[in-house]
Amino acid sequence: MQSTALALLAQEGRLEAPHIALFADTGWEPAAVYDHLARLERALPFPVQRVYSHAGKIQDSIATGRFEPIPWFTADGAIGRRQCTKVYKLYPIRRRVRELLDGKTPAGGCRMLIGISTDEAHRMKPSTVDYITNTWPLIEMRWSRADCRAYLERRGWASVPRSACCGCPYLSDADWIARAHAPEWPETVRLSHALAATGQYMHRYLKPLDQIDFSTPAEKGQADLFGDDCEGLCGV
């Protein structure tokens, strides 16, 4: 949502337009994300380019056994090191930036506009390479996620899907429930079984996805004693 708002603000002339927009494609995004990206590519006056990791597609690591960058859950309930953002997103973007700089790495050679809003300010981090300077225009504008959503609705972009891999172990149960209705769900389920055969899992319940009960406590029959009111008995 924030990155789309950033791109459309640049299209509108409210921000300086970048020379290029980069989308780090893990190869395993929901179909809705690719559809949204295609719409953006048609709408923006500057080029949108997809970049890919030398490690290949994330889902292919399940077949090849290359799990190091992926923080899958293991049989003891632990979760692996999170290296996927670096391997599949950060490094491909940096490689393309170096190509755009003709293989040179001058200090401040690239000014990177990053879509982070005020409610995500904890994600702001300076670049660890001298040739990229990170900037956060939405922070400078004091825009929150709600501001981005309202702006997108005014621009006719009311529905913006979340970018996250189909089998991301950091998805919430609400995310999994929503994705169970997506066209890529059967393939994700199949891969969750292939992964489980290696003793690793996409979900903290340590089961293939189609064996997990994602229903809420209320759906399981647990009564809501307080009617969603935080001034229940504990507020007396």
C-alpha atoms as a PDB file:
ATOM      1  CA  MET A   1       0.000   0.000   0.000  1.00  0.00           C
ATOM      2  CA  GLN A   2       2.690   2.513   0.986  1.00  0.00           C
ATOM      3  CA  SER A   3       4.868   1.791  -2.057  1.00  0.00           C
ATOM      4  CA  THR A   4       1.879   2.191  -4.378  1.00  0.00           C
ATOM      5  CA  ALA A   5       0.992   5.502  -2.744  1.00  0.00           C
ATOM      6  CA  LEU A   6       4.600   6.631  -3.150  1.00  0.00           C
ATOM      7  CA  ALA A   7       4.621   5.709  -6.843  1.00  0.00           C
ATOM      8  CA  LEU A   8       1.312   7.456  -7.561  1.00  0.00           C
ATOM      9  CA  LEU A   9       2.398  10.585  -5.685  1.00  0.00           C
ATOM     10  CA  ALA A  10       5.406  10.710  -8.023  1.00  0.00           C
ATOM     11  CA  GLN A  11       3.140  10.121 -11.032  1.00  0.00           C
ATOM     12  CA  GLU A  12       0.966  13.024  -9.866  1.00  0.00           C
ATOM     13  CA  GLY A  13       3.972  15.316  -9.557  1.00  0.00           C
ATOM     14  CA  ARG A  14       3.702  15.722  -5.795  1.00  0.00           C
ATOM     15  CA  LEU A  15       7.070  14.013  -5.462  1.00  0.00           C
ATOM     16  CA  GLU A  16      10.056  14.090  -7.765  1.00  0.00           C
ATOM     17  CA  ALA A  17       9.669  11.156 -10.148  1.00  0.00           C
ATOM     18  CA  PRO A  18      12.370   8.497  -9.867  1.00  0.00           C
ATOM     19  CA  HIS A  19      14.369   7.324 -12.856  1.00  0.00           C
ATOM     20  CA  ILE A  20      13.116   3.796 -12.265  1.00  0.00           C
ATOM     21  CA  ALA A  21      11.040   1.761  -9.814  1.00  0.00           C
ATOM     22  CA  LEU A  22      12.383  -1.641  -8.783  1.00  0.00           C
ATOM     23  CA  PHE A  23      10.264  -4.581  -7.646  1.00  0.00           C
ATOM     24  CA  ALA A  24      12.215  -7.443  -6.096  1.00  0.00           C
ATOM     25  CA  ASP A  25      10.332 -10.501  -7.321  1.00  0.00           C
ATOM     26  CA  THR A  26      10.811 -13.650  -5.259  1.00  0.00           C
ATOM     27  CA  GLY A  27       8.795 -15.570  -7.856  1.00  0.00           C
ATOM     28  CA  TRP A  28       6.276 -16.607  -5.212  1.00  0.00           C
ATOM     29  CA  GLU A  29       3.946 -13.654  -4.751  1.00  0.00           C
ATOM     30  CA  PRO A  30       0.152 -14.063  -4.819  1.00  0.00           C
ATOM     31  CA  ALA A  31      -1.465 -13.640  -8.227  1.00  0.00           C
ATOM     32  CA  ALA A  32      -3.199 -10.495  -6.942  1.00  0.00           C
ATOM     33  CA  VAL A  33       0.198  -8.853  -6.371  1.00  0.00           C
ATOM     34  CA  TYR A  34       1.346  -9.577  -9.930  1.00  0.00           C
ATOM     35  CA  ASP A  35      -1.955  -8.254 -11.304  1.00  0.00           C
ATOM     36  CA  HIS A  36      -1.546  -5.092  -9.245  1.00  0.00           C
ATOM     37  CA  LEU A  37       2.051  -4.687 -10.393  1.00  0.00           C
ATOM     38  CA  ALA A  38       0.986  -5.007 -14.037  1.00  0.00           C
ATOM     39  CA  ARG A  39      -1.574  -2.243 -13.514  1.00  0.00           C
ATOM     40  CA  LEU A  40       1.088  -0.019 -11.963  1.00  0.00           C
ATOM     41  CA  GLU A  41       3.457  -0.681 -14.869  1.00  0.00           C
ATOM     42  CA  ARG A  42       0.785   0.599 -17.259  1.00  0.00           C
ATOM     43  CA  ALA A  43      -0.066   3.637 -15.140  1.00  0.00           C
ATOM     44  CA  LEU A  44       3.342   5.036 -14.200  1.00  0.00           C
ATOM     45  CA  PRO A  45       5.311   7.396 -16.473  1.00  0.00           C
ATOM     46  CA  PHE A  46       8.642   5.961 -15.300  1.00  0.00           C
ATOM     47  CA  PRO A  47       9.764   2.372 -15.904  1.00  0.00           C
ATOM     48  CA  VAL A  48       9.019  -0.389 -13.419  1.00  0.00           C
ATOM     49  CA  GLN A  49      11.548  -3.192 -13.512  1.00  0.00           C
ATOM     50  CA  ARG A  50      11.454  -6.566 -11.782  1.00  0.00           C
ATOM     51  CA  VAL A  51      14.689  -7.891 -10.329  1.00  0.00           C
ATOM     52  CA  TYR A  52      15.405 -11.457  -9.270  1.00  0.00           C
ATOM     53  CA  SER A  53      17.758 -13.261  -6.930  1.00  0.00           C
ATOM     54  CA  HIS A  54      20.580 -15.441  -8.212  1.00  0.00           C
ATOM     55  CA  ALA A  55      19.213 -18.028  -5.755  1.00  0.00           C
ATOM     56  CA  GLY A  56      16.197 -18.550  -8.024  1.00  0.00           C
ATOM     57  CA  LYS A  57      12.597 -18.666  -6.868  1.00  0.00           C
ATOM     58  CA  ILE A  58      11.880 -19.227  -3.189  1.00  0.00           C
ATOM     59  CA  GLN A  59       9.475 -22.099  -3.809  1.00  0.00           C
ATOM     60  CA  ASP A  60      12.151 -23.936  -5.802  1.00  0.00           C
ATOM     61  CA  SER A  61      14.270 -24.143  -2.651  1.00  0.00           C
ATOM     62  CA  ILE A  62      11.771 -26.667  -1.294  1.00  0.00           C
ATOM     63  CA  ALA A  63      12.547 -29.080  -4.133  1.00  0.00           C
ATOM     64  CA  THR A  64      16.303 -28.481  -4.078  1.00  0.00           C
ATOM     65  CA  GLY A  65      16.716 -28.515  -0.309  1.00  0.00           C
ATOM     66  CA  ARG A  66      18.284 -25.019  -0.129  1.00  0.00           C
ATOM     67  CA  PHE A  67      16.596 -23.775   3.006  1.00  0.00           C
ATOM     68  CA  GLU A  68      19.251 -21.539   4.552  1.00  0.00           C
ATOM     69  CA  PRO A  69      17.683 -18.169   3.675  1.00  0.00           C
ATOM     70  CA  ILE A  70      14.120 -19.200   4.568  1.00  0.00           C
ATOM     71  CA  PRO A  71      12.968 -19.044   8.225  1.00  0.00           C
ATOM     72  CA  TRP A  72      10.832 -22.179   8.120  1.00  0.00           C
ATOM     73  CA  PHE A  73       9.587 -23.689  11.374  1.00  0.00           C
ATOM     74  CA  THR A  74      11.387 -26.854  12.429  1.00  0.00           C
ATOM     75  CA  ALA A  75      10.020 -29.925  14.218  1.00  0.00           C
ATOM     76  CA  ASP A  76      11.024 -28.563  17.632  1.00  0.00           C
ATOM     77  CA  GLY A  77       8.997 -25.402  17.034  1.00  0.00           C
ATOM     78  CA  ALA A  78      12.012 -23.169  16.406  1.00  0.00           C
ATOM     79  CA  ILE A  79      12.181 -20.866  13.406  1.00  0.00           C
ATOM     80  CA  GLY A  80      15.167 -20.477  11.119  1.00  0.00           C
ATOM     81  CA  ARG A  81      17.244 -17.380  10.504  1.00  0.00           C
ATOM     82  CA  ARG A  82      15.526 -14.754   8.413  1.00  0.00           C
ATOM     83  CA  GLN A  83      17.825 -14.225   5.449  1.00  0.00           C
ATOM     84  CA  CYS A  84      15.223 -14.230   2.680  1.00  0.00           C
ATOM     85  CA  THR A  85      14.764 -10.443   2.636  1.00  0.00           C
ATOM     86  CA  LYS A  86      18.477  -9.969   1.991  1.00  0.00           C
ATOM     87  CA  VAL A  87      18.895 -12.799  -0.517  1.00  0.00           C
ATOM     88  CA  TYR A  88      15.690 -12.319  -2.507  1.00  0.00           C
ATOM     89  CA  LYS A  89      15.036  -8.588  -2.200  1.00  0.00           C
ATOM     90  CA  LEU A  90      17.894  -6.416  -0.946  1.00  0.00           C
ATOM     91  CA  TYR A  91      20.748  -8.008  -2.908  1.00  0.00           C
ATOM     92  CA  PRO A  92      18.930  -8.074  -6.287  1.00  0.00           C
ATOM     93  CA  ILE A  93      17.998  -4.404  -5.869  1.00  0.00           C
ATOM     94  CA  ARG A  94      21.572  -3.464  -5.019  1.00  0.00           C
ATOM     95  CA  ARG A  95      22.896  -5.428  -7.985  1.00  0.00           C
ATOM     96  CA  ARG A  96      20.547  -3.565 -10.349  1.00  0.00           C
ATOM     97  CA  VAL A  97      21.508  -0.217  -8.812  1.00  0.00           C
ATOM     98  CA  ARG A  98      25.183  -0.972  -9.470  1.00  0.00           C
ATOM     99  CA  GLU A  99      24.306  -1.829 -13.074  1.00  0.00           C
ATOM    100  CA  LEU A 100      22.459   1.478 -13.420  1.00  0.00           C
ATOM    101  CA  LEU A 101      25.576   3.210 -12.075  1.00  0.00           C
ATOM    102  CA  ASP A 102      27.639   1.519 -14.819  1.00  0.00           C
ATOM    103  CA  GLY A 103      29.287  -0.766 -12.321  1.00  0.00           C
ATOM    104  CA  LYS A 104      30.569   2.118 -10.239  1.00  0.00           C
ATOM    105  CA  THR A 105      29.741   2.744  -6.590  1.00  0.00           C
ATOM    106  CA  PRO A 106      30.190   6.485  -5.948  1.00  0.00           C
ATOM    107  CA  ALA A 107      29.106   7.689  -2.533  1.00  0.00           C
ATOM    108  CA  GLY A 108      25.485   8.793  -2.736  1.00  0.00           C
ATOM    109  CA  GLY A 109      25.223   7.639  -6.334  1.00  0.00           C
ATOM    110  CA  CYS A 110      21.646   6.482  -5.826  1.00  0.00           C
ATOM    111  CA  ARG A 111      18.907   8.133  -3.801  1.00  0.00           C
ATOM    112  CA  MET A 112      16.421   5.405  -2.883  1.00  0.00           C
ATOM    113  CA  LEU A 113      12.800   6.365  -2.172  1.00  0.00           C
ATOM    114  CA  ILE A 114      11.298   3.820   0.236  1.00  0.00           C
ATOM    115  CA  GLY A 115       7.588   3.464   0.998  1.00  0.00           C
ATOM    116  CA  ILE A 116       7.471   3.476   4.799  1.00  0.00           C
ATOM    117  CA  SER A 117       4.738   5.380   6.644  1.00  0.00           C
ATOM    118  CA  THR A 118       4.742   6.932  10.112  1.00  0.00           C
ATOM    119  CA  ASP A 119       3.254   3.864  11.793  1.00  0.00           C
ATOM    120  CA  GLU A 120       6.185   1.831  10.437  1.00  0.00           C
ATOM    121  CA  ALA A 121       8.911   4.278  11.435  1.00  0.00           C
ATOM    122  CA  HIS A 122      10.750   1.513  13.291  1.00  0.00           C
ATOM    123  CA  ARG A 123      11.557  -0.001   9.880  1.00  0.00           C
ATOM    124  CA  MET A 124      13.604   3.036   8.823  1.00  0.00           C
ATOM    125  CA  LYS A 125      17.223   2.002   8.530  1.00  0.00           C
ATOM    126  CA  PRO A 126      20.120   3.733   6.807  1.00  0.00           C
ATOM    127  CA  SER A 127      21.699   1.998   3.861  1.00  0.00           C
ATOM    128  CA  THR A 128      24.692  -0.180   4.680  1.00  0.00           C
ATOM    129  CA  VAL A 129      26.368   0.645   1.355  1.00  0.00           C
ATOM    130  CA  ASP A 130      27.793   4.077   0.532  1.00  0.00           C
ATOM    131  CA  TYR A 131      26.408   4.240  -3.002  1.00  0.00           C
ATOM    132  CA  ILE A 132      22.762   4.170  -1.850  1.00  0.00           C
ATOM    133  CA  THR A 133      21.142   6.835   0.330  1.00  0.00           C
ATOM    134  CA  ASN A 134      17.789   5.782   1.747  1.00  0.00           C
ATOM    135  CA  THR A 135      14.982   8.353   1.967  1.00  0.00           C
ATOM    136  CA  TRP A 136      11.421   8.051   3.257  1.00  0.00           C
ATOM    137  CA  PRO A 137       9.132  10.617   1.573  1.00  0.00           C
ATOM    138  CA  LEU A 138       5.989   9.397   3.356  1.00  0.00           C
ATOM    139  CA  ILE A 139       7.656   9.961   6.722  1.00  0.00           C
ATOM    140  CA  GLU A 140       8.628  13.471   5.627  1.00  0.00           C
ATOM    141  CA  MET A 141       4.981  14.080   4.618  1.00  0.00           C
ATOM    142  CA  ARG A 142       3.857  12.635   7.985  1.00  0.00           C
ATOM    143  CA  TRP A 143       1.601  10.160   6.225  1.00  0.00           C
ATOM    144  CA  SER A 144       0.317   7.100   8.051  1.00  0.00           C
ATOM    145  CA  ARG A 145      -0.976   3.895   6.508  1.00  0.00           C
ATOM    146  CA  ALA A 146      -4.491   5.326   6.871  1.00  0.00           C
ATOM    147  CA  ASP A 147      -3.420   8.419   4.912  1.00  0.00           C
ATOM    148  CA  CYS A 148      -2.064   6.175   2.166  1.00  0.00           C
ATOM    149  CA  ARG A 149      -5.287   4.169   2.068  1.00  0.00           C
ATOM    150  CA  ALA A 150      -7.453   7.305   1.848  1.00  0.00           C
ATOM    151  CA  TYR A 151      -5.257   8.736  -0.909  1.00  0.00           C
ATOM    152  CA  LEU A 152      -5.374   5.511  -2.921  1.00  0.00           C
ATOM    153  CA  GLU A 153      -9.144   5.330  -2.623  1.00  0.00           C
ATOM    154  CA  ARG A 154      -9.416   8.870  -3.977  1.00  0.00           C
ATOM    155  CA  ARG A 155      -7.186   7.878  -6.880  1.00  0.00           C
ATOM    156  CA  GLY A 156      -9.259   4.790  -7.700  1.00  0.00           C
ATOM    157  CA  TRP A 157      -6.847   2.255  -6.188  1.00  0.00           C
ATOM    158  CA  ALA A 158      -9.031   1.077  -3.335  1.00  0.00           C
ATOM    159  CA  SER A 159      -7.830  -2.528  -3.317  1.00  0.00           C
ATOM    160  CA  VAL A 160      -4.074  -2.945  -2.893  1.00  0.00           C
ATOM    161  CA  PRO A 161      -2.858  -6.475  -2.067  1.00  0.00           C
ATOM    162  CA  ARG A 162      -0.139  -7.122   0.461  1.00  0.00           C
ATOM    163  CA  SER A 163       3.199  -8.227  -0.951  1.00  0.00           C
ATOM    164  CA  ALA A 164       4.397 -11.356   0.864  1.00  0.00           C
ATOM    165  CA  CYS A 165       5.428 -14.768  -0.383  1.00  0.00           C
ATOM    166  CA  CYS A 166       2.679 -17.371  -0.653  1.00  0.00           C
ATOM    167  CA  GLY A 167       4.289 -19.573   1.990  1.00  0.00           C
ATOM    168  CA  CYS A 168       5.760 -16.882   4.231  1.00  0.00           C
ATOM    169  CA  PRO A 169       6.072 -18.221   7.817  1.00  0.00           C
ATOM    170  CA  TYR A 170       5.377 -14.724   9.154  1.00  0.00           C
ATOM    171  CA  LEU A 171       1.810 -14.631   7.812  1.00  0.00           C
ATOM    172  CA  SER A 172      -0.905 -14.336  10.444  1.00  0.00           C
ATOM    173  CA  ASP A 173      -3.791 -16.792  10.593  1.00  0.00           C
ATOM    174  CA  ALA A 174      -6.018 -14.065   9.153  1.00  0.00           C
ATOM    175  CA  ASP A 175      -3.616 -13.829   6.199  1.00  0.00           C
ATOM    176  CA  TRP A 176      -3.716 -17.599   5.713  1.00  0.00           C
ATOM    177  CA  ILE A 177      -7.522 -17.617   5.789  1.00  0.00           C
ATOM    178  CA  ALA A 178      -7.636 -14.915   3.123  1.00  0.00           C
ATOM    179  CA  ARG A 179      -5.099 -16.724   0.958  1.00  0.00           C
ATOM    180  CA  ALA A 180      -7.013 -19.994   1.146  1.00  0.00           C
ATOM    181  CA  HIS A 181      -9.392 -18.488  -1.415  1.00  0.00           C
ATOM    182  CA  ALA A 182      -6.657 -17.414  -3.834  1.00  0.00           C
ATOM    183  CA  PRO A 183      -5.853 -19.298  -7.055  1.00  0.00           C
ATOM    184  CA  GLU A 184      -2.353 -20.188  -5.873  1.00  0.00           C
ATOM    185  CA  TRP A 185      -3.606 -21.938  -2.709  1.00  0.00           C
ATOM    186  CA  PRO A 186      -3.600 -25.553  -4.037  1.00  0.00           C
ATOM    187  CA  GLU A 187       0.033 -25.224  -5.131  1.00  0.00           C
ATOM    188  CA  THR A 188       0.985 -23.651  -1.798  1.00  0.00           C
ATOM    189  CA  VAL A 189      -0.663 -26.551   0.020  1.00  0.00           C
ATOM    190  CA  ARG A 190       1.222 -29.044  -2.162  1.00  0.00           C
ATOM    191  CA  LEU A 191       4.503 -27.341  -1.363  1.00  0.00           C
ATOM    192  CA  SER A 192       3.663 -27.306   2.351  1.00  0.00           C
ATOM    193  CA  HIS A 193       3.434 -31.124   2.196  1.00  0.00           C
ATOM    194  CA  ALA A 194       6.751 -31.350   0.324  1.00  0.00           C
ATOM    195  CA  LEU A 195       8.348 -29.110   2.933  1.00  0.00           C
ATOM    196  CA  ALA A 196       6.854 -31.094   5.818  1.00  0.00           C
ATOM    197  CA  ALA A 197       8.477 -34.230   4.417  1.00  0.00           C
ATOM    198  CA  THR A 198      11.840 -32.575   5.178  1.00  0.00           C
ATOM    199  CA  GLY A 199      10.844 -31.781   8.781  1.00  0.00           C
ATOM    200  CA  GLN A 200      10.160 -28.102   8.109  1.00  0.00           C
ATOM    201  CA  TYR A 201       6.904 -26.192   8.054  1.00  0.00           C
ATOM    202  CA  MET A 202       5.337 -22.963   6.809  1.00  0.00           C
ATOM    203  CA  HIS A 203       3.127 -22.597   9.896  1.00  0.00           C
ATOM    204  CA  ARG A 204       3.927 -22.644  13.602  1.00  0.00           C
ATOM    205  CA  TYR A 205       1.476 -25.523  14.125  1.00  0.00           C
ATOM    206  CA  LEU A 206       4.009 -27.773  12.382  1.00  0.00           C
ATOM    207  CA  LYS A 207       1.572 -29.286   9.886  1.00  0.00           C
ATOM    208  CA  PRO A 208       0.892 -28.991   6.155  1.00  0.00           C
ATOM    209  CA  LEU A 209      -1.487 -26.120   5.519  1.00  0.00           C
ATOM    210  CA  ASP A 210      -4.574 -28.203   4.694  1.00  0.00           C
ATOM    211  CA  GLN A 211      -4.294 -29.976   8.060  1.00  0.00           C
ATOM    212  CA  ILE A 212      -4.500 -26.771  10.108  1.00  0.00           C
ATOM    213  CA  ASP A 213      -7.680 -25.444  11.686  1.00  0.00           C
ATOM    214  CA  PHE A 214      -7.559 -21.695  11.070  1.00  0.00           C
ATOM    215  CA  SER A 215     -10.944 -20.970  12.635  1.00  0.00           C
ATOM    216  CA  THR A 216     -11.086 -18.333  15.355  1.00  0.00           C
ATOM    217  CA  PRO A 217     -11.883 -19.147  19.022  1.00  0.00           C
ATOM    218  CA  ALA A 218     -15.374 -17.701  18.467  1.00  0.00           C
ATOM    219  CA  GLU A 219     -15.889 -19.945  15.452  1.00  0.00           C
ATOM    220  CA  LYS A 220     -14.843 -22.911  17.600  1.00  0.00           C
ATOM    221  CA  GLY A 221     -17.615 -22.070  20.072  1.00  0.00           C
ATOM    222  CA  GLN A 222     -15.711 -20.028  22.640  1.00  0.00           C
ATOM    223  CA  ALA A 223     -18.045 -17.347  23.992  1.00  0.00           C
ATOM    224  CA  ASP A 224     -17.087 -13.683  23.976  1.00  0.00           C
ATOM    225  CA  LEU A 225     -17.554 -12.757  27.635  1.00  0.00           C
ATOM    226  CA  PHE A 226     -16.944  -9.061  27.200  1.00  0.00           C
ATOM    227  CA  GLY A 227     -18.531  -8.250  23.854  1.00  0.00           C
ATOM    228  CA  ASP A 228     -15.161  -6.970  22.612  1.00  0.00           C
ATOM    229  CA  ASP A 229     -15.286  -4.371  25.372  1.00  0.00           C
ATOM    230  CA  CYS A 230     -11.945  -3.766  27.097  1.00  0.00           C
ATOM    231  CA  GLU A 231     -13.896  -2.415  30.089  1.00  0.00           C
ATOM    232  CA  GLY A 232     -15.003  -5.902  31.111  1.00  0.00           C
ATOM    233  CA  LEU A 233     -14.452  -7.357  34.562  1.00  0.00           C
ATOM    234  CA  CYS A 234     -10.795  -6.367  34.458  1.00  0.00           C
ATOM    235  CA  GLY A 235     -11.859  -2.719  34.058  1.00  0.00           C
ATOM    236  CA  VAL A 236     -13.866  -2.629  37.312  1.00  0.00           C
END
